Amino acid sequence: MPSAGIMTETFASAAELMARALGAEDYPFAVIEHPISSADGAALAARAERAAADCAGLLLASDG
């Protein structure tokens, strides 16, 4: 089943390393701005919309 993750830019390299370590070096994930804990509602909504669009693109690309 196609899937994609979402990471903040601070944790993107750790996500890539973990994917490689688990044998999924091409695992797709969207990258959003960091941090999220101090972002207000409007900023979180904008990041979520961007992440959803990025994930949709990743999933559609993997559908081939």
N, C-alpha and C. Protein backbone atom coordinates (compact mmCIF):
# COMPACT_ATOMS: atom_id res chain seq x y z
N MET A 1 0.85 -1.16 0.00
CA MET A 1 0.00 0.00 0.00
C MET A 1 0.90 1.23 0.00
N PRO A 2 0.71 2.14 -0.94
CA PRO A 2 1.52 3.36 -0.99
C PRO A 2 1.34 4.19 0.28
N SER A 3 2.43 4.76 0.72
CA SER A 3 2.39 5.63 1.89
C SER A 3 3.48 6.68 1.77
N ALA A 4 3.32 7.73 2.54
CA ALA A 4 4.31 8.80 2.59
C ALA A 4 4.28 9.39 3.99
N GLY A 5 5.41 9.90 4.44
CA GLY A 5 5.50 10.52 5.75
C GLY A 5 5.60 12.03 5.65
N ILE A 6 5.55 12.65 6.79
CA ILE A 6 5.72 14.11 6.89
C ILE A 6 6.74 14.37 7.98
N MET A 7 7.77 15.12 7.66
CA MET A 7 8.82 15.47 8.61
C MET A 7 9.04 16.97 8.59
N THR A 8 9.47 17.51 9.72
CA THR A 8 9.92 18.89 9.69
C THR A 8 11.35 18.89 9.17
N GLU A 9 11.77 20.04 8.65
CA GLU A 9 13.09 20.13 8.02
C GLU A 9 14.22 19.75 8.98
N THR A 10 14.04 19.98 10.27
CA THR A 10 15.07 19.64 11.24
C THR A 10 15.28 18.13 11.33
N PHE A 11 14.23 17.35 11.10
CA PHE A 11 14.31 15.89 11.25
C PHE A 11 14.39 15.14 9.93
N ALA A 12 14.48 15.84 8.82
CA ALA A 12 14.52 15.19 7.51
C ALA A 12 15.73 14.27 7.36
N SER A 13 16.90 14.70 7.80
CA SER A 13 18.09 13.85 7.65
C SER A 13 17.97 12.61 8.53
N ALA A 14 17.37 12.73 9.71
CA ALA A 14 17.16 11.57 10.57
C ALA A 14 16.17 10.60 9.93
N ALA A 15 15.14 11.13 9.27
CA ALA A 15 14.17 10.28 8.59
C ALA A 15 14.82 9.53 7.44
N GLU A 16 15.68 10.21 6.69
CA GLU A 16 16.39 9.55 5.59
C GLU A 16 17.30 8.44 6.13
N LEU A 17 18.00 8.72 7.21
CA LEU A 17 18.88 7.72 7.82
C LEU A 17 18.08 6.52 8.31
N MET A 18 16.97 6.75 8.98
CA MET A 18 16.14 5.66 9.48
C MET A 18 15.58 4.83 8.33
N ALA A 19 15.13 5.49 7.28
CA ALA A 19 14.61 4.75 6.13
C ALA A 19 15.69 3.86 5.53
N ARG A 20 16.90 4.40 5.40
CA ARG A 20 18.02 3.61 4.87
C ARG A 20 18.31 2.42 5.77
N ALA A 21 18.33 2.66 7.08
CA ALA A 21 18.63 1.59 8.03
C ALA A 21 17.59 0.48 7.99
N LEU A 22 16.36 0.84 7.64
CA LEU A 22 15.28 -0.15 7.58
C LEU A 22 15.08 -0.73 6.19
N GLY A 23 15.99 -0.40 5.27
CA GLY A 23 15.93 -0.95 3.92
C GLY A 23 14.90 -0.29 3.02
N ALA A 24 14.50 0.92 3.37
CA ALA A 24 13.51 1.66 2.57
C ALA A 24 14.09 3.01 2.17
N GLU A 25 15.27 2.97 1.55
CA GLU A 25 16.00 4.21 1.27
C GLU A 25 15.25 5.19 0.38
N ASP A 26 14.28 4.72 -0.36
CA ASP A 26 13.50 5.62 -1.22
C ASP A 26 12.14 5.97 -0.64
N TYR A 27 11.97 5.76 0.66
CA TYR A 27 10.67 6.05 1.29
C TYR A 27 10.36 7.54 1.14
N PRO A 28 9.20 7.85 0.58
CA PRO A 28 8.89 9.26 0.33
C PRO A 28 8.33 9.98 1.56
N PHE A 29 8.73 11.21 1.74
CA PHE A 29 8.12 12.03 2.78
C PHE A 29 8.17 13.49 2.38
N ALA A 30 7.16 14.20 2.84
CA ALA A 30 7.09 15.64 2.62
C ALA A 30 7.85 16.32 3.74
N VAL A 31 8.43 17.47 3.45
CA VAL A 31 9.18 18.22 4.46
C VAL A 31 8.49 19.56 4.68
N ILE A 32 8.20 19.85 5.95
CA ILE A 32 7.57 21.11 6.31
C ILE A 32 8.49 21.91 7.22
N GLU A 33 8.16 23.17 7.40
CA GLU A 33 8.97 24.06 8.23
C GLU A 33 8.97 23.62 9.70
N HIS A 34 10.06 23.88 10.35
CA HIS A 34 10.24 23.59 11.77
C HIS A 34 10.33 24.93 12.49
N PRO A 35 9.86 25.06 13.66
CA PRO A 35 9.14 24.10 14.50
C PRO A 35 7.64 24.18 14.26
N ILE A 36 6.94 23.16 14.74
CA ILE A 36 5.49 23.20 14.67
C ILE A 36 4.87 23.53 16.02
N SER A 37 5.61 23.27 17.09
CA SER A 37 5.05 23.47 18.43
C SER A 37 4.74 24.93 18.75
N SER A 38 5.48 25.84 18.15
CA SER A 38 5.25 27.26 18.44
C SER A 38 4.50 27.98 17.31
N ALA A 39 4.10 27.25 16.30
CA ALA A 39 3.37 27.86 15.19
C ALA A 39 1.92 28.11 15.59
N ASP A 40 1.37 29.21 15.12
CA ASP A 40 -0.04 29.49 15.42
C ASP A 40 -0.93 28.67 14.47
N GLY A 41 -2.23 28.75 14.69
CA GLY A 41 -3.18 27.95 13.91
C GLY A 41 -3.10 28.20 12.42
N ALA A 42 -2.95 29.45 12.02
CA ALA A 42 -2.88 29.77 10.59
C ALA A 42 -1.61 29.19 9.96
N ALA A 43 -0.50 29.27 10.67
CA ALA A 43 0.76 28.71 10.15
C ALA A 43 0.68 27.20 10.05
N LEU A 44 0.08 26.56 11.07
CA LEU A 44 -0.07 25.10 11.02
C LEU A 44 -0.99 24.68 9.88
N ALA A 45 -2.07 25.42 9.67
CA ALA A 45 -2.98 25.10 8.58
C ALA A 45 -2.27 25.21 7.23
N ALA A 46 -1.47 26.25 7.06
CA ALA A 46 -0.73 26.43 5.81
C ALA A 46 0.26 25.29 5.60
N ARG A 47 0.95 24.90 6.65
CA ARG A 47 1.90 23.79 6.55
C ARG A 47 1.19 22.49 6.24
N ALA A 48 0.03 22.28 6.87
CA ALA A 48 -0.73 21.05 6.63
C ALA A 48 -1.22 20.99 5.18
N GLU A 49 -1.69 22.10 4.66
CA GLU A 49 -2.13 22.13 3.26
C GLU A 49 -0.98 21.81 2.31
N ARG A 50 0.17 22.41 2.59
CA ARG A 50 1.35 22.17 1.75
C ARG A 50 1.78 20.70 1.85
N ALA A 51 1.79 20.17 3.08
CA ALA A 51 2.19 18.77 3.29
C ALA A 51 1.22 17.82 2.60
N ALA A 52 -0.08 18.11 2.68
CA ALA A 52 -1.08 17.26 2.03
C ALA A 52 -0.87 17.26 0.52
N ALA A 53 -0.63 18.41 -0.05
CA ALA A 53 -0.39 18.49 -1.49
C ALA A 53 0.89 17.75 -1.87
N ASP A 54 1.94 17.93 -1.07
CA ASP A 54 3.20 17.24 -1.35
C ASP A 54 3.03 15.72 -1.25
N CYS A 55 2.31 15.27 -0.21
CA CYS A 55 2.09 13.83 -0.04
C CYS A 55 1.24 13.27 -1.19
N ALA A 56 0.24 14.01 -1.61
CA ALA A 56 -0.58 13.55 -2.75
C ALA A 56 0.31 13.37 -3.98
N GLY A 57 1.21 14.32 -4.21
CA GLY A 57 2.13 14.21 -5.34
C GLY A 57 3.04 13.00 -5.21
N LEU A 58 3.55 12.77 -4.00
CA LEU A 58 4.42 11.61 -3.78
C LEU A 58 3.67 10.30 -4.00
N LEU A 59 2.44 10.24 -3.51
CA LEU A 59 1.65 9.01 -3.65
C LEU A 59 1.25 8.76 -5.10
N LEU A 60 0.89 9.81 -5.80
CA LEU A 60 0.53 9.65 -7.20
C LEU A 60 1.74 9.24 -8.04
N ALA A 61 2.91 9.77 -7.68
CA ALA A 61 4.14 9.41 -8.40
C ALA A 61 4.51 7.94 -8.17
N SER A 62 4.19 7.41 -6.98
CA SER A 62 4.53 6.02 -6.67
C SER A 62 3.50 5.05 -7.23
N ASP A 63 2.41 5.56 -7.80
CA ASP A 63 1.33 4.71 -8.29
C ASP A 63 1.67 4.05 -9.61
N GLY A 64 2.78 4.47 -10.24
CA GLY A 64 3.13 4.01 -11.57
C GLY A 64 3.44 2.61 -11.70
